[in-house]
Amino acid sequence: MRKLVLAAAAAVALSGGAQADPITLSVWGIDNQTGSGNPGYTQIMVDEWNAKHDDVKLEYRFVAFDDANNDFARAIATNSGPDIFMINTTDTQFYAARDVLVDLTDRIAASSVIKPSDIFPGYLAAITYNDRIWEVPKAADTIALYYNPDMFKAAGLDPDKPPRSWQELHDYAKALTKPDQGVFGIAFSAKNGQEGPWQWLPFVRMTGEDWTNVDTDGARRALTLWKTFVDEGLASKEVLVQAQSDAADMFRAGKAAMVLQGNWDLPNMEGLPFKYRLALLPPEKEGGLQVSAAGNFTYGINKQSAHPDEAFKFIEYVYSQQDRNWNEFGLLPAYAFEAKDPKWPDAYKVFTEQLKFGRVLGPSPRWNDVSIALQTAIQSALSGQSDVDSALKRAAAEIETIKNEQ
């Protein structure tokens, strides 16, 4: 018997000891593969983590952007959800209010990686609910004005002087529109979904107003500007159905001289037959209040997860990699950071400046309901189903009801 015990002990020693099976965590997100051999952001982070860790392995699952909330809701209801899931900044308070997330406040307070005081105020507000922190930002996004300098020159416009007010934005769009060539002066997204309000609200906010009450002169001026673009044929009627990516495709194809688009599209702007330029979104009046959109996604931990501590370590890892965001992914960190030898240096200068004026949608635990009211107003006014004033009065009444029900 003694020989058997010694033999067993020797075998264990030679094998390095018995090893427990690794913990497996699931991660769901909207970062899809963007091409063969070119995985999206979160997939890259998962692959890097797996290469460095044997004790905790991650499995990534792609979920379509438009289906994400429904997929998460069904999974949570059946206790089959992921350990970690990406949440749109517009939805962070919605999930926190429904008690489906792990409260990360104490873990963040003990973290040597995540410092809430460094996070941009708008993003910190988005991930905070009832004075507790529920998610961690993945990255920051904003939008600016891309324009085609060759088309500017052909229209007699100075490429070194992009529009500096709404009036100039309209005048430039008019000068750049070439109906006989199928070229529009400007492209943007007014579609049903978050993209419409995300691109339109900066114009409302430039007037000093906000989503909390759109039955105002400022909101009417902002919606009238967009309606004028469509009514005068300076923008395609397709803005009602096209996503931001579709608008950017028009710009790349030479079918739009200017486009409202985000920093994430920079990798797709390479290799164009023209050298695009970028400018800040023009305020209502030259020298006036500057505002842009701010967004992207956050990482939250499912309250049903059996391994929240291990899940948080992965979130810390992703957060620690944000200094790579710009040069590798065309994304900005959610905190102040200066990239070394930035790729796309001209764009970097514009987008980092634009983000200073970035404001997230909401925040509100019922933002999706607010968004639908805004989407309906934008769609009905731009399609001609109702006038601007009536569309915004209805939206304001609906939003007031939503606010009172929170």
Protein backbone atom coordinates (compact mmCIF):
# COMPACT_ATOMS: atom_id res chain seq x y z
CA MET A 1 0.00 0.00 0.00
CA ARG A 2 2.83 2.41 0.93
CA LYS A 3 4.42 1.85 -2.50
CA LEU A 4 1.12 2.66 -4.20
CA VAL A 5 0.75 5.90 -2.24
CA LEU A 6 4.30 6.96 -3.01
CA ALA A 7 3.83 6.13 -6.67
CA ALA A 8 0.64 8.20 -6.81
CA ALA A 9 2.36 11.11 -5.11
CA ALA A 10 5.24 10.93 -7.56
CA ALA A 11 2.83 10.92 -10.49
CA VAL A 12 1.10 14.04 -9.18
CA ALA A 13 4.45 15.75 -8.64
CA LEU A 14 5.62 14.93 -12.15
CA SER A 15 2.40 16.20 -13.69
CA GLY A 16 2.59 19.48 -11.78
CA GLY A 17 -0.46 18.64 -9.66
CA ALA A 18 -4.08 18.20 -10.56
CA GLN A 19 -5.51 21.23 -12.40
CA ALA A 20 -9.09 22.36 -11.99
CA ASP A 21 -11.15 22.94 -15.08
CA PRO A 22 -11.14 26.59 -16.11
CA ILE A 23 -14.12 28.78 -15.42
CA THR A 24 -15.96 29.65 -18.63
CA LEU A 25 -17.68 33.01 -18.94
CA SER A 26 -19.92 34.15 -21.77
CA VAL A 27 -19.70 37.62 -23.29
CA TRP A 28 -22.40 39.01 -25.59
CA GLY A 29 -21.87 42.09 -27.69
CA ILE A 30 -22.64 43.91 -30.93
CA ASP A 31 -19.05 43.90 -32.20
CA ASN A 32 -19.33 41.72 -35.28
CA GLN A 33 -16.52 40.57 -37.51
CA THR A 34 -15.90 43.38 -39.99
CA GLY A 35 -14.15 41.18 -42.50
CA SER A 36 -12.28 37.94 -42.92
CA GLY A 37 -9.61 37.72 -40.25
CA ASN A 38 -10.57 41.11 -38.83
CA PRO A 39 -12.70 40.59 -35.73
CA GLY A 40 -14.47 43.36 -33.90
CA TYR A 41 -13.30 45.13 -30.76
CA THR A 42 -14.73 42.88 -28.07
CA GLN A 43 -13.77 39.70 -29.91
CA ILE A 44 -10.17 40.93 -30.01
CA MET A 45 -10.24 41.62 -26.27
CA VAL A 46 -11.69 38.16 -25.60
CA ASP A 47 -9.02 36.51 -27.75
CA GLU A 48 -6.26 38.43 -25.97
CA TRP A 49 -7.65 37.51 -22.57
CA ASN A 50 -7.87 33.83 -23.47
CA ALA A 51 -4.28 33.83 -24.68
CA LYS A 52 -3.13 35.16 -21.31
CA HIS A 53 -5.33 33.18 -18.92
CA ASP A 54 -5.82 29.49 -18.35
CA ASP A 55 -8.07 29.70 -15.29
CA VAL A 56 -10.86 31.84 -16.81
CA LYS A 57 -11.88 31.35 -20.43
CA LEU A 58 -14.26 33.61 -22.31
CA GLU A 59 -16.70 32.76 -25.08
CA TYR A 60 -17.94 35.61 -27.26
CA ARG A 61 -21.33 35.75 -28.96
CA PHE A 62 -22.35 38.38 -31.48
CA VAL A 63 -25.84 39.87 -31.19
CA ALA A 64 -27.26 42.25 -33.78
CA PHE A 65 -27.53 45.87 -32.64
CA ASP A 66 -31.27 46.09 -33.32
CA ASP A 67 -31.93 42.78 -31.52
CA ALA A 68 -29.66 43.25 -28.51
CA ASN A 69 -32.21 44.44 -25.95
CA ASN A 70 -34.77 41.79 -26.90
CA ASP A 71 -32.11 39.06 -26.83
CA PHE A 72 -30.89 40.20 -23.42
CA ALA A 73 -34.42 40.41 -22.01
CA ARG A 74 -35.33 36.90 -23.16
CA ALA A 75 -32.09 35.46 -21.85
CA ILE A 76 -32.46 37.13 -18.46
CA ALA A 77 -36.07 35.95 -18.17
CA THR A 78 -35.00 32.35 -18.74
CA ASN A 79 -31.80 32.55 -16.68
CA SER A 80 -29.78 31.77 -19.80
CA GLY A 81 -28.07 35.10 -20.25
CA PRO A 82 -24.36 35.86 -20.54
CA ASP A 83 -22.07 36.76 -17.68
CA ILE A 84 -21.09 40.00 -19.39
CA PHE A 85 -23.02 41.97 -21.95
CA MET A 86 -22.49 45.17 -23.87
CA ILE A 87 -25.07 47.83 -23.14
CA ASN A 88 -25.70 50.94 -25.21
CA THR A 89 -25.12 54.14 -23.23
CA THR A 90 -28.79 54.91 -23.94
CA ASP A 91 -29.84 51.74 -22.09
CA THR A 92 -27.55 51.66 -19.07
CA GLN A 93 -30.01 53.24 -16.66
CA PHE A 94 -32.84 51.09 -18.03
CA TYR A 95 -31.02 47.92 -16.99
CA ALA A 96 -29.83 49.34 -13.68
CA ALA A 97 -33.36 50.35 -12.75
CA ARG A 98 -34.60 46.81 -13.36
CA ASP A 99 -32.15 45.20 -10.95
CA VAL A 100 -30.61 42.85 -13.49
CA LEU A 101 -27.02 44.08 -13.13
CA VAL A 102 -24.33 43.58 -10.53
CA ASP A 103 -23.66 46.81 -8.62
CA LEU A 104 -20.03 47.59 -9.48
CA THR A 105 -19.57 50.56 -7.15
CA ASP A 106 -17.50 48.80 -4.47
CA ARG A 107 -15.45 46.83 -6.98
CA ILE A 108 -14.63 50.03 -8.85
CA ALA A 109 -13.72 51.80 -5.61
CA ALA A 110 -11.20 49.03 -4.91
CA SER A 111 -9.88 48.94 -8.48
CA SER A 112 -6.43 50.25 -9.35
CA VAL A 113 -7.48 50.42 -13.02
CA ILE A 114 -10.87 52.19 -13.13
CA LYS A 115 -11.07 55.68 -11.63
CA PRO A 116 -14.55 57.26 -11.91
CA SER A 117 -13.09 60.76 -11.52
CA ASP A 118 -11.24 60.29 -14.82
CA ILE A 119 -14.35 59.34 -16.83
CA PHE A 120 -15.98 62.10 -18.88
CA PRO A 121 -18.98 63.50 -16.92
CA GLY A 122 -21.54 62.51 -19.56
CA TYR A 123 -20.38 58.90 -19.57
CA LEU A 124 -20.19 58.76 -15.78
CA ALA A 125 -23.77 60.06 -15.62
CA ALA A 126 -24.87 57.38 -18.06
CA ILE A 127 -23.47 54.51 -15.97
CA THR A 128 -24.69 55.92 -12.65
CA TYR A 129 -28.13 55.22 -11.23
CA ASN A 130 -29.30 56.07 -7.70
CA ASP A 131 -25.74 57.17 -6.92
CA ARG A 132 -24.34 53.72 -7.71
CA ILE A 133 -22.20 52.67 -10.70
CA TRP A 134 -23.51 49.74 -12.73
CA GLU A 135 -21.36 49.52 -15.87
CA VAL A 136 -17.95 50.48 -17.21
CA PRO A 137 -17.48 52.38 -20.51
CA LYS A 138 -15.97 50.48 -23.42
CA ALA A 139 -15.03 53.56 -25.44
CA ALA A 140 -16.29 56.97 -26.52
CA ASP A 141 -17.77 58.06 -29.84
CA THR A 142 -18.88 61.35 -31.26
CA ILE A 143 -19.85 62.75 -34.66
CA ALA A 144 -18.39 65.51 -36.79
CA LEU A 145 -18.82 66.85 -40.30
CA TYR A 146 -16.91 64.97 -43.01
CA TYR A 147 -16.66 66.88 -46.28
CA ASN A 148 -15.25 66.45 -49.78
CA PRO A 149 -12.81 69.31 -50.53
CA ASP A 150 -12.81 68.58 -54.25
CA MET A 151 -16.56 69.15 -54.37
CA PHE A 152 -16.10 72.33 -52.33
CA LYS A 153 -13.66 73.70 -54.90
CA ALA A 154 -15.90 72.72 -57.81
CA ALA A 155 -18.78 74.60 -56.17
CA GLY A 156 -16.67 77.70 -55.57
CA LEU A 157 -16.37 77.05 -51.81
CA ASP A 158 -13.14 77.34 -49.83
CA PRO A 159 -12.20 73.91 -48.37
CA ASP A 160 -10.26 75.72 -45.65
CA LYS A 161 -13.46 77.39 -44.46
CA PRO A 162 -16.08 74.74 -43.59
CA PRO A 163 -19.52 75.95 -42.48
CA ARG A 164 -19.51 77.89 -39.21
CA SER A 165 -23.26 78.23 -38.62
CA TRP A 166 -26.53 76.53 -39.53
CA GLN A 167 -27.12 79.14 -42.20
CA GLU A 168 -23.76 78.40 -43.79
CA LEU A 169 -24.40 74.66 -43.48
CA HIS A 170 -27.62 75.16 -45.46
CA ASP A 171 -25.98 77.48 -47.99
CA TYR A 172 -23.07 75.08 -48.52
CA ALA A 173 -25.42 72.11 -48.92
CA LYS A 174 -27.36 74.07 -51.52
CA ALA A 175 -24.22 75.01 -53.46
CA LEU A 176 -22.95 71.42 -53.34
CA THR A 177 -26.15 69.72 -54.48
CA LYS A 178 -26.03 68.56 -58.11
CA PRO A 179 -29.40 66.96 -58.99
CA ASP A 180 -28.33 66.16 -62.55
CA GLN A 181 -25.40 64.14 -61.15
CA GLY A 182 -27.35 62.55 -58.30
CA VAL A 183 -25.19 64.37 -55.74
CA PHE A 184 -26.67 65.69 -52.50
CA GLY A 185 -25.14 68.46 -50.45
CA ILE A 186 -25.44 66.65 -47.14
CA ALA A 187 -26.25 63.19 -45.78
CA PHE A 188 -27.31 62.12 -42.28
CA SER A 189 -29.50 59.56 -40.56
CA ALA A 190 -33.05 60.34 -39.45
CA LYS A 191 -34.17 56.71 -39.34
CA ASN A 192 -36.39 55.11 -36.72
CA GLY A 193 -34.02 53.86 -34.06
CA GLN A 194 -31.49 55.54 -31.82
CA GLU A 195 -29.44 56.93 -34.70
CA GLY A 196 -32.05 59.54 -35.66
CA PRO A 197 -32.31 61.21 -32.23
CA TRP A 198 -28.57 60.73 -31.67
CA GLN A 199 -27.77 62.85 -34.73
CA TRP A 200 -30.61 65.34 -34.26
CA LEU A 201 -30.40 66.14 -30.54
CA PRO A 202 -27.07 67.98 -30.84
CA PHE A 203 -28.90 70.54 -32.99
CA VAL A 204 -31.59 70.93 -30.33
CA ARG A 205 -28.98 71.27 -27.63
CA MET A 206 -27.08 73.90 -29.61
CA THR A 207 -30.13 76.12 -29.11
CA GLY A 208 -29.90 75.71 -25.34
CA GLU A 209 -32.88 73.32 -25.22
CA ASP A 210 -32.99 69.58 -24.58
CA TRP A 211 -35.11 66.44 -24.94
CA THR A 212 -36.89 67.11 -21.66
CA ASN A 213 -39.11 69.60 -23.51
CA VAL A 214 -39.13 69.79 -27.30
CA ASP A 215 -42.17 72.07 -27.52
CA THR A 216 -39.79 75.01 -27.77
CA ASP A 217 -38.62 77.48 -30.37
CA GLY A 218 -35.13 75.96 -30.28
CA ALA A 219 -36.36 72.44 -31.03
CA ARG A 220 -38.56 73.82 -33.80
CA ARG A 221 -35.58 75.55 -35.40
CA ALA A 222 -33.53 72.35 -35.19
CA LEU A 223 -36.21 70.19 -36.81
CA THR A 224 -37.00 72.87 -39.40
CA LEU A 225 -33.33 72.85 -40.46
CA TRP A 226 -33.45 69.11 -41.12
CA LYS A 227 -36.82 69.37 -42.84
CA THR A 228 -35.48 72.12 -45.09
CA PHE A 229 -32.59 69.89 -46.17
CA VAL A 230 -35.08 67.23 -47.28
CA ASP A 231 -37.76 69.53 -48.71
CA GLU A 232 -35.25 71.41 -50.85
CA GLY A 233 -33.61 68.22 -52.10
CA LEU A 234 -30.30 69.04 -50.42
CA ALA A 235 -30.48 65.70 -48.63
CA SER A 236 -32.01 62.51 -49.94
CA LYS A 237 -35.45 61.45 -48.73
CA GLU A 238 -33.66 58.21 -47.88
CA VAL A 239 -32.48 59.87 -44.66
CA LEU A 240 -35.76 58.56 -43.22
CA VAL A 241 -34.61 54.96 -43.59
CA GLN A 242 -30.84 55.06 -43.96
CA ALA A 243 -28.49 54.23 -41.11
CA GLN A 244 -25.41 56.28 -40.39
CA SER A 245 -23.38 53.68 -42.28
CA ASP A 246 -25.62 54.18 -45.34
CA ALA A 247 -25.11 57.94 -45.22
CA ALA A 248 -21.35 57.39 -45.00
CA ASP A 249 -21.52 55.05 -47.98
CA MET A 250 -23.14 57.85 -50.01
CA PHE A 251 -20.29 60.15 -49.03
CA ARG A 252 -17.64 57.60 -49.96
CA ALA A 253 -19.34 56.97 -53.30
CA GLY A 254 -19.32 60.68 -54.15
CA LYS A 255 -23.12 60.95 -53.85
CA ALA A 256 -23.00 63.34 -50.88
CA ALA A 257 -20.57 66.22 -50.41
CA MET A 258 -20.93 66.34 -46.60
CA VAL A 259 -22.01 63.77 -44.05
CA LEU A 260 -22.65 63.65 -40.32
CA GLN A 261 -20.67 60.62 -39.21
CA GLY A 262 -18.62 59.28 -36.35
CA ASN A 263 -14.99 58.58 -35.59
CA TRP A 264 -15.55 54.80 -35.75
CA ASP A 265 -15.82 55.03 -39.54
CA LEU A 266 -12.28 56.32 -40.04
CA PRO A 267 -10.84 52.91 -41.05
CA ASN A 268 -13.48 52.75 -43.81
CA MET A 269 -12.47 56.18 -45.13
CA GLU A 270 -9.06 54.99 -46.24
CA GLY A 271 -8.31 54.51 -49.92
CA LEU A 272 -10.93 56.97 -51.20
CA PRO A 273 -10.36 58.72 -54.54
CA PHE A 274 -10.44 62.04 -52.67
CA LYS A 275 -8.82 63.28 -49.47
CA TYR A 276 -11.71 63.96 -47.10
CA ARG A 277 -11.59 66.63 -44.44
CA LEU A 278 -13.34 67.05 -41.10
CA ALA A 279 -14.89 69.95 -39.25
CA LEU A 280 -16.73 70.47 -35.99
CA LEU A 281 -20.52 70.49 -36.16
CA PRO A 282 -21.42 74.14 -36.74
CA PRO A 283 -23.37 75.90 -33.97
CA GLU A 284 -26.65 77.65 -34.72
CA LYS A 285 -24.89 81.02 -34.89
CA GLU A 286 -21.18 81.48 -35.55
CA GLY A 287 -19.39 81.45 -32.20
CA GLY A 288 -22.46 80.01 -30.48
CA LEU A 289 -22.98 76.99 -28.25
CA GLN A 290 -21.22 73.88 -29.57
CA VAL A 291 -22.66 70.42 -28.92
CA SER A 292 -22.14 67.00 -30.40
CA ALA A 293 -23.40 63.51 -29.73
CA ALA A 294 -21.55 61.16 -27.38
CA GLY A 295 -22.07 57.46 -27.08
CA ASN A 296 -20.77 53.94 -27.57
CA PHE A 297 -21.25 50.98 -25.26
CA THR A 298 -20.60 49.89 -21.72
CA TYR A 299 -19.93 46.51 -20.13
CA GLY A 300 -22.25 45.25 -17.41
CA ILE A 301 -22.32 42.02 -15.40
CA ASN A 302 -25.48 39.96 -15.33
CA LYS A 303 -26.76 39.62 -11.76
CA GLN A 304 -27.40 35.93 -12.51
CA SER A 305 -23.69 35.31 -13.17
CA ALA A 306 -22.05 32.79 -10.83
CA HIS A 307 -18.67 34.46 -11.32
CA PRO A 308 -19.01 38.26 -11.02
CA ASP A 309 -15.48 38.74 -9.66
CA GLU A 310 -13.91 36.98 -12.63
CA ALA A 311 -16.20 38.89 -15.00
CA PHE A 312 -15.09 42.18 -13.45
CA LYS A 313 -11.43 41.30 -14.04
CA PHE A 314 -12.13 41.03 -17.76
CA ILE A 315 -13.92 44.39 -17.71
CA GLU A 316 -10.88 45.89 -15.98
CA TYR A 317 -8.68 44.42 -18.70
CA VAL A 318 -10.73 45.99 -21.48
CA TYR A 319 -10.78 49.34 -19.70
CA SER A 320 -7.00 49.20 -19.31
CA GLN A 321 -6.65 48.87 -23.09
CA GLN A 322 -8.47 52.08 -24.00
CA ASP A 323 -5.21 53.84 -24.80
CA ARG A 324 -5.21 51.64 -27.93
CA ASN A 325 -8.70 52.74 -28.97
CA TRP A 326 -7.76 55.47 -31.41
CA ASN A 327 -4.86 54.02 -33.37
CA GLU A 328 -6.26 50.51 -33.64
CA PHE A 329 -10.02 51.01 -33.78
CA GLY A 330 -10.80 54.65 -34.57
CA LEU A 331 -12.48 54.93 -31.16
CA LEU A 332 -11.82 57.38 -28.35
CA PRO A 333 -11.28 56.54 -24.69
CA ALA A 334 -14.07 57.53 -22.28
CA TYR A 335 -11.58 59.60 -20.34
CA ALA A 336 -9.11 62.35 -21.20
CA PHE A 337 -6.17 60.84 -23.02
CA GLU A 338 -3.56 62.01 -25.49
CA ALA A 339 -2.60 59.42 -28.09
CA LYS A 340 1.07 59.13 -29.01
CA ASP A 341 1.75 59.48 -32.73
CA PRO A 342 -1.99 59.33 -33.48
CA LYS A 343 -3.15 57.67 -36.63
CA TRP A 344 -5.33 59.98 -38.77
CA PRO A 345 -3.78 63.04 -37.00
CA ASP A 346 -6.12 65.60 -38.59
CA ALA A 347 -9.17 63.56 -37.65
CA TYR A 348 -7.78 62.99 -34.16
CA LYS A 349 -7.54 66.73 -33.63
CA VAL A 350 -11.14 67.31 -34.72
CA PHE A 351 -12.74 64.39 -32.90
CA THR A 352 -10.94 64.96 -29.60
CA GLU A 353 -12.05 68.60 -29.76
CA GLN A 354 -15.59 67.59 -30.76
CA LEU A 355 -15.85 65.13 -27.86
CA LYS A 356 -15.34 67.99 -25.43
CA PHE A 357 -18.84 69.08 -26.46
CA GLY A 358 -20.28 65.56 -26.61
CA ARG A 359 -23.45 64.74 -24.69
CA VAL A 360 -25.01 61.30 -24.33
CA LEU A 361 -28.65 60.55 -25.10
CA GLY A 362 -30.71 60.93 -21.95
CA PRO A 363 -29.69 59.66 -19.52
CA SER A 364 -33.00 58.23 -18.37
CA PRO A 365 -34.17 54.77 -17.25
CA ARG A 366 -36.95 55.15 -19.83
CA TRP A 367 -34.86 56.59 -22.62
CA ASN A 368 -36.16 54.08 -25.16
CA ASP A 369 -39.69 55.42 -24.68
CA VAL A 370 -38.44 59.00 -24.96
CA SER A 371 -36.51 58.05 -28.08
CA ILE A 372 -39.60 56.62 -29.77
CA ALA A 373 -41.42 59.91 -29.18
CA LEU A 374 -38.52 61.81 -30.77
CA GLN A 375 -38.20 59.36 -33.65
CA THR A 376 -41.88 59.73 -34.43
CA ALA A 377 -41.61 63.53 -34.45
CA ILE A 378 -38.59 63.49 -36.75
CA GLN A 379 -40.15 60.98 -39.13
CA SER A 380 -43.55 62.66 -39.32
CA ALA A 381 -42.09 66.13 -39.91
CA LEU A 382 -39.50 65.12 -42.50
CA SER A 383 -41.95 62.90 -44.39
CA GLY A 384 -44.56 65.67 -44.48
CA GLN A 385 -47.13 63.69 -42.49
CA SER A 386 -47.36 66.59 -40.04
CA ASP A 387 -45.89 70.04 -39.63
CA VAL A 388 -42.93 70.65 -37.32
CA ASP A 389 -44.95 72.38 -34.62
CA SER A 390 -47.57 69.62 -34.35
CA ALA A 391 -44.94 66.86 -34.41
CA LEU A 392 -42.99 68.41 -31.55
CA LYS A 393 -46.07 69.22 -29.46
CA ARG A 394 -47.10 65.56 -29.57
CA ALA A 395 -43.59 64.42 -28.71
CA ALA A 396 -43.37 66.87 -25.80
CA ALA A 397 -46.68 65.65 -24.37
CA GLU A 398 -45.59 62.02 -24.62
CA ILE A 399 -42.24 62.77 -22.99
CA GLU A 400 -43.90 64.63 -20.15
CA THR A 401 -46.09 61.58 -19.46
CA ILE A 402 -43.01 59.34 -19.49
CA LYS A 403 -41.19 61.63 -17.05
CA ASN A 404 -44.14 61.61 -14.68
CA GLU A 405 -44.33 57.82 -14.74
CA GLN A 406 -40.66 57.23 -13.89
